[in-house]
Each structure stands twice: as structure tokens, then as C-alpha cells.
N, C-alpha and C. Protein backbone atom coordinates (compact mmCIF):
# COMPACT_ATOMS: atom_id res chain seq x y z
N MET A 1 -42.75 1.71 -47.42
CA MET A 1 -41.72 2.63 -47.25
C MET A 1 -41.20 3.05 -48.57
N ASN A 2 -41.04 4.42 -48.72
CA ASN A 2 -40.44 4.96 -49.78
C ASN A 2 -38.97 4.89 -49.74
N GLN A 3 -38.16 4.39 -50.63
CA GLN A 3 -36.71 4.30 -50.44
C GLN A 3 -36.18 4.47 -51.87
N GLU A 4 -34.95 5.39 -51.83
CA GLU A 4 -34.29 5.49 -53.03
C GLU A 4 -33.50 4.28 -53.62
N ILE A 5 -33.40 4.07 -54.77
CA ILE A 5 -32.70 3.00 -55.46
C ILE A 5 -31.83 3.62 -56.49
N CYS A 6 -30.52 3.22 -56.24
CA CYS A 6 -29.55 3.72 -57.32
C CYS A 6 -29.11 2.63 -58.17
N ALA A 7 -28.60 3.05 -59.35
CA ALA A 7 -28.03 2.02 -60.23
C ALA A 7 -26.48 2.17 -60.41
N ILE A 8 -25.80 1.25 -60.65
CA ILE A 8 -24.26 1.19 -60.88
C ILE A 8 -23.99 0.52 -62.08
N SER A 9 -22.88 0.70 -62.83
CA SER A 9 -22.33 0.10 -63.83
C SER A 9 -20.87 0.17 -63.84
N ALA A 10 -20.29 -0.87 -64.31
CA ALA A 10 -18.83 -0.88 -64.17
C ALA A 10 -18.32 -1.50 -65.58
N TYR A 11 -17.09 -0.96 -66.06
CA TYR A 11 -16.52 -1.62 -67.26
C TYR A 11 -15.20 -1.47 -67.22
N LEU A 12 -14.39 -2.54 -67.57
CA LEU A 12 -13.05 -2.55 -67.59
C LEU A 12 -12.62 -3.06 -68.99
N LEU A 13 -11.57 -2.41 -69.51
CA LEU A 13 -10.95 -3.02 -70.67
C LEU A 13 -10.48 -4.49 -70.46
N GLN A 14 -10.62 -5.28 -71.33
CA GLN A 14 -10.11 -6.81 -71.16
C GLN A 14 -8.68 -6.84 -70.51
N LYS A 15 -7.82 -6.01 -70.99
CA LYS A 15 -6.31 -5.98 -70.61
C LYS A 15 -6.20 -5.69 -69.06
N PHE A 16 -7.30 -5.04 -68.41
CA PHE A 16 -7.19 -4.72 -66.89
C PHE A 16 -7.95 -5.72 -66.16
N THR A 17 -8.60 -6.65 -66.66
CA THR A 17 -9.39 -7.62 -65.84
C THR A 17 -8.50 -8.78 -65.26
N GLY A 18 -9.20 -9.27 -64.27
CA GLY A 18 -8.32 -10.26 -63.41
C GLY A 18 -7.45 -9.76 -62.41
N ARG A 19 -7.51 -8.74 -62.10
CA ARG A 19 -6.61 -8.11 -61.15
C ARG A 19 -7.27 -7.61 -59.73
N GLY A 20 -8.54 -7.71 -59.72
CA GLY A 20 -9.31 -7.29 -58.67
C GLY A 20 -9.62 -5.70 -58.64
N TRP A 21 -9.17 -5.14 -59.76
CA TRP A 21 -9.53 -3.51 -59.78
C TRP A 21 -10.91 -3.42 -59.90
N GLY A 22 -11.62 -4.06 -60.69
CA GLY A 22 -13.12 -3.86 -60.89
C GLY A 22 -13.83 -4.06 -59.48
N VAL A 23 -13.54 -5.12 -58.79
CA VAL A 23 -14.25 -5.37 -57.57
C VAL A 23 -13.85 -4.21 -56.50
N GLU A 24 -12.54 -3.63 -56.51
CA GLU A 24 -12.29 -2.59 -55.70
C GLU A 24 -12.98 -1.29 -56.02
N ALA A 25 -13.05 -1.00 -57.38
CA ALA A 25 -13.71 0.07 -57.90
C ALA A 25 -15.22 0.15 -57.54
N ILE A 26 -15.87 -1.03 -57.70
CA ILE A 26 -17.23 -1.22 -57.31
C ILE A 26 -17.47 -0.84 -55.85
N ARG A 27 -16.66 -1.54 -54.95
CA ARG A 27 -16.74 -1.39 -53.55
C ARG A 27 -16.60 0.08 -53.17
N GLN A 28 -15.59 0.79 -53.80
CA GLN A 28 -15.21 2.15 -53.39
C GLN A 28 -16.47 2.98 -53.90
N GLY A 29 -16.86 2.76 -55.08
CA GLY A 29 -18.08 3.48 -55.66
C GLY A 29 -19.34 3.40 -54.81
N CYS A 30 -19.58 2.16 -54.26
CA CYS A 30 -20.73 1.98 -53.57
C CYS A 30 -20.60 2.67 -52.26
N ASP A 31 -19.37 2.42 -51.45
CA ASP A 31 -19.17 3.16 -50.26
C ASP A 31 -19.50 4.76 -50.57
N ARG A 32 -18.98 5.29 -51.54
CA ARG A 32 -19.21 6.70 -51.69
C ARG A 32 -20.57 7.03 -51.98
N LEU A 33 -21.19 6.34 -52.84
CA LEU A 33 -22.68 6.48 -53.15
C LEU A 33 -23.46 6.43 -51.81
N PHE A 34 -23.31 5.40 -51.08
CA PHE A 34 -24.04 5.28 -49.67
C PHE A 34 -23.78 6.40 -48.79
N SER A 35 -22.58 7.00 -48.82
CA SER A 35 -22.18 8.15 -47.99
C SER A 35 -22.68 9.42 -48.43
N GLU A 36 -23.00 9.61 -49.67
CA GLU A 36 -23.31 10.99 -50.13
C GLU A 36 -24.70 11.02 -50.79
N TRP A 37 -25.35 9.81 -50.82
CA TRP A 37 -26.73 9.81 -51.46
C TRP A 37 -27.63 8.97 -50.54
N PRO A 38 -28.90 9.29 -50.49
CA PRO A 38 -29.86 8.65 -49.52
C PRO A 38 -30.53 7.38 -50.11
N CYS A 39 -29.71 6.61 -50.68
CA CYS A 39 -30.24 5.47 -51.24
C CYS A 39 -30.18 4.27 -50.42
N GLU A 40 -31.12 3.35 -50.27
CA GLU A 40 -31.07 2.23 -49.51
C GLU A 40 -30.58 1.05 -50.14
N GLU A 41 -30.54 0.87 -51.54
CA GLU A 41 -29.95 -0.22 -52.31
C GLU A 41 -29.43 0.25 -53.63
N ILE A 42 -28.33 -0.43 -54.11
CA ILE A 42 -27.66 -0.10 -55.22
C ILE A 42 -28.04 -1.41 -56.14
N VAL A 43 -28.46 -1.15 -57.29
CA VAL A 43 -28.81 -2.26 -58.32
C VAL A 43 -27.81 -2.08 -59.57
N ALA A 44 -27.36 -3.32 -59.87
CA ALA A 44 -26.47 -3.49 -61.15
C ALA A 44 -27.32 -4.42 -62.06
N TYR A 45 -27.47 -4.10 -63.31
CA TYR A 45 -28.11 -4.92 -64.31
C TYR A 45 -26.92 -5.37 -65.24
N VAL A 46 -26.72 -6.63 -65.21
CA VAL A 46 -25.63 -7.29 -66.06
C VAL A 46 -26.10 -8.20 -67.01
N ARG A 47 -25.68 -8.08 -68.17
CA ARG A 47 -26.00 -8.91 -69.28
C ARG A 47 -25.81 -10.47 -69.00
N GLU A 48 -26.63 -11.36 -69.35
CA GLU A 48 -26.58 -12.80 -69.11
C GLU A 48 -25.29 -13.28 -69.58
N ASP A 49 -24.65 -12.73 -70.75
CA ASP A 49 -23.38 -13.31 -71.30
C ASP A 49 -22.17 -12.61 -70.65
N ASN A 50 -22.26 -11.89 -69.53
CA ASN A 50 -21.17 -11.19 -69.00
C ASN A 50 -20.93 -11.95 -67.49
N ALA A 51 -20.53 -13.14 -67.62
CA ALA A 51 -20.22 -13.95 -66.27
C ALA A 51 -19.12 -13.35 -65.51
N SER A 52 -18.17 -12.64 -66.01
CA SER A 52 -17.19 -11.96 -65.28
C SER A 52 -17.65 -10.81 -64.46
N ALA A 53 -18.58 -10.00 -65.18
CA ALA A 53 -19.15 -8.93 -64.26
C ALA A 53 -19.95 -9.43 -63.13
N ARG A 54 -20.75 -10.54 -63.31
CA ARG A 54 -21.56 -11.03 -62.29
C ARG A 54 -20.63 -11.52 -61.12
N VAL A 55 -19.45 -12.17 -61.44
CA VAL A 55 -18.61 -12.51 -60.37
C VAL A 55 -18.02 -11.43 -59.67
N GLY A 56 -17.63 -10.37 -60.51
CA GLY A 56 -17.21 -9.08 -59.75
C GLY A 56 -18.15 -8.28 -58.72
N PHE A 57 -19.31 -8.37 -59.18
CA PHE A 57 -20.30 -7.71 -58.45
C PHE A 57 -20.61 -8.52 -57.19
N ARG A 58 -20.69 -9.81 -57.31
CA ARG A 58 -20.80 -10.78 -56.25
C ARG A 58 -19.66 -10.63 -55.23
N LYS A 59 -18.45 -10.58 -55.64
CA LYS A 59 -17.30 -10.36 -54.80
C LYS A 59 -17.34 -9.10 -54.04
N ALA A 60 -18.07 -8.11 -54.59
CA ALA A 60 -18.19 -6.68 -53.92
C ALA A 60 -19.38 -6.67 -53.03
N GLY A 61 -20.07 -7.87 -52.89
CA GLY A 61 -21.13 -7.96 -51.99
C GLY A 61 -22.51 -7.82 -52.42
N PHE A 62 -22.72 -7.93 -53.81
CA PHE A 62 -23.98 -7.93 -54.52
C PHE A 62 -24.57 -9.28 -54.36
N VAL A 63 -25.84 -9.43 -54.25
CA VAL A 63 -26.55 -10.58 -54.49
C VAL A 63 -27.72 -10.62 -55.63
N GLU A 64 -27.90 -11.82 -56.16
CA GLU A 64 -28.73 -11.76 -57.27
C GLU A 64 -30.20 -11.68 -56.88
N ARG A 65 -31.03 -10.98 -57.68
CA ARG A 65 -32.54 -10.87 -57.56
C ARG A 65 -33.10 -11.35 -58.77
N GLU A 66 -34.22 -11.91 -58.57
CA GLU A 66 -34.99 -12.44 -59.90
C GLU A 66 -35.29 -11.39 -60.69
N ALA A 67 -35.04 -11.39 -62.01
CA ALA A 67 -35.44 -10.32 -62.95
C ALA A 67 -37.01 -10.30 -63.14
N ALA A 68 -37.26 -9.08 -63.36
CA ALA A 68 -38.75 -8.89 -63.37
C ALA A 68 -39.39 -8.91 -64.85
N GLY A 69 -38.49 -8.91 -65.79
CA GLY A 69 -38.95 -8.69 -67.12
C GLY A 69 -38.69 -7.38 -67.59
N GLY A 70 -39.20 -6.94 -68.70
CA GLY A 70 -39.13 -5.48 -69.19
C GLY A 70 -37.64 -5.17 -69.35
N PHE A 71 -37.13 -4.20 -68.71
CA PHE A 71 -35.73 -3.66 -68.85
C PHE A 71 -34.90 -4.84 -68.33
N ASP A 72 -35.33 -5.62 -67.29
CA ASP A 72 -34.46 -6.65 -66.80
C ASP A 72 -34.28 -7.84 -67.69
N ALA A 73 -35.14 -7.95 -68.65
CA ALA A 73 -35.17 -9.27 -69.58
C ALA A 73 -33.79 -9.28 -70.14
N GLY A 74 -33.17 -10.48 -70.04
CA GLY A 74 -31.87 -10.72 -70.60
C GLY A 74 -30.79 -10.20 -69.72
N ARG A 75 -31.13 -9.97 -68.62
CA ARG A 75 -29.82 -9.45 -67.61
C ARG A 75 -30.18 -10.06 -66.27
N PHE A 76 -28.98 -10.11 -65.62
CA PHE A 76 -29.02 -10.56 -64.24
C PHE A 76 -29.18 -9.34 -63.49
N VAL A 77 -29.89 -9.37 -62.39
CA VAL A 77 -30.18 -8.11 -61.41
C VAL A 77 -29.43 -8.49 -60.20
N LEU A 78 -28.43 -7.62 -59.74
CA LEU A 78 -27.79 -7.87 -58.57
C LEU A 78 -27.97 -6.64 -57.66
N VAL A 79 -28.11 -6.92 -56.37
CA VAL A 79 -28.46 -5.72 -55.56
C VAL A 79 -27.58 -5.80 -54.31
N LEU A 80 -27.12 -4.53 -53.86
CA LEU A 80 -26.35 -4.51 -52.60
C LEU A 80 -27.31 -3.42 -51.93
N ARG A 81 -27.56 -3.92 -50.60
CA ARG A 81 -28.40 -3.04 -49.57
C ARG A 81 -27.44 -2.34 -48.68
N ARG A 82 -27.91 -1.10 -48.37
CA ARG A 82 -26.98 -0.27 -47.34
C ARG A 82 -26.70 -1.12 -46.18
N SER A 83 -27.64 -1.76 -45.59
CA SER A 83 -27.45 -2.52 -44.26
C SER A 83 -26.50 -3.71 -44.47
N VAL A 84 -26.43 -4.32 -45.62
CA VAL A 84 -25.35 -5.26 -45.89
C VAL A 84 -23.95 -4.75 -46.02
N ARG A 85 -23.85 -3.55 -46.61
CA ARG A 85 -22.55 -2.85 -46.91
C ARG A 85 -22.08 -2.49 -45.41
N ARG A 86 -22.88 -2.15 -44.46
CA ARG A 86 -22.42 -1.77 -43.03
C ARG A 86 -22.25 -3.08 -42.24
N GLY A 87 -22.65 -4.24 -43.03
CA GLY A 87 -22.41 -5.53 -42.19
C GLY A 87 -23.37 -5.80 -41.07
N THR A 88 -24.64 -5.38 -41.21
CA THR A 88 -25.64 -5.61 -40.23
C THR A 88 -26.56 -6.51 -40.78
N GLU A 89 -26.66 -6.85 -41.97
CA GLU A 89 -27.58 -7.88 -42.57
C GLU A 89 -26.83 -8.87 -43.35
N ILE A 90 -27.24 -10.18 -43.08
CA ILE A 90 -26.45 -11.33 -43.66
C ILE A 90 -27.39 -12.04 -44.66
N GLY A 91 -26.83 -12.59 -45.58
CA GLY A 91 -27.75 -13.45 -46.59
C GLY A 91 -28.25 -12.76 -47.77
N SER A 92 -29.09 -13.36 -48.51
CA SER A 92 -29.65 -12.77 -49.67
C SER A 92 -30.85 -12.09 -49.36
N LEU A 93 -31.44 -11.25 -50.30
CA LEU A 93 -32.60 -10.54 -50.14
C LEU A 93 -33.86 -11.34 -50.23
């Protein structure tokens, strides 16, 4: 099956972290992306040393997928599937 995969990135200045704004921005961005683009999953590539970003993406519904190397090397790969966002799929990939 040929399916579109989109990528997302989020960045907040340190003074704005810890308030839930990043998680909400990720959720809203993904909702809009799924409603306007024919992608079946959204991927976030997060540096290994960025634990707060990994937490934020997980809170927004993303799950970790094993990195494949290449571009993924030194990064965590987190994925949100369209069906999970709709609440029809439970668990990890």
C-alpha cells in the first residue's frame, strides 16, 4: 500500500516550556495536517539528547519506532498514525 508520510517539528523557547503549550501545538498541528493532507502517519525525528521533546510528542499521542540508521541515526523516531488520532487504533506500531 502506498501511503503518504508527513514530518513534523516543534520548537519552544526555554521560557515557554513546561506549560503544555508544545503538546497542544503538536496536537492542533497534527489535527490540521490530517484534515488537509492525505497522509496516513506523521513522523517526528527528535535528537537523543532532547528528552523534553520526546515527552511532549508522547503526550500528543506519538509512539516511538526503532530508528533505521542513516538520517535516523542519533535521533528518536516518533510516529502518530491517522487511525490512532481518530481513536480507532490502540497501542504502539
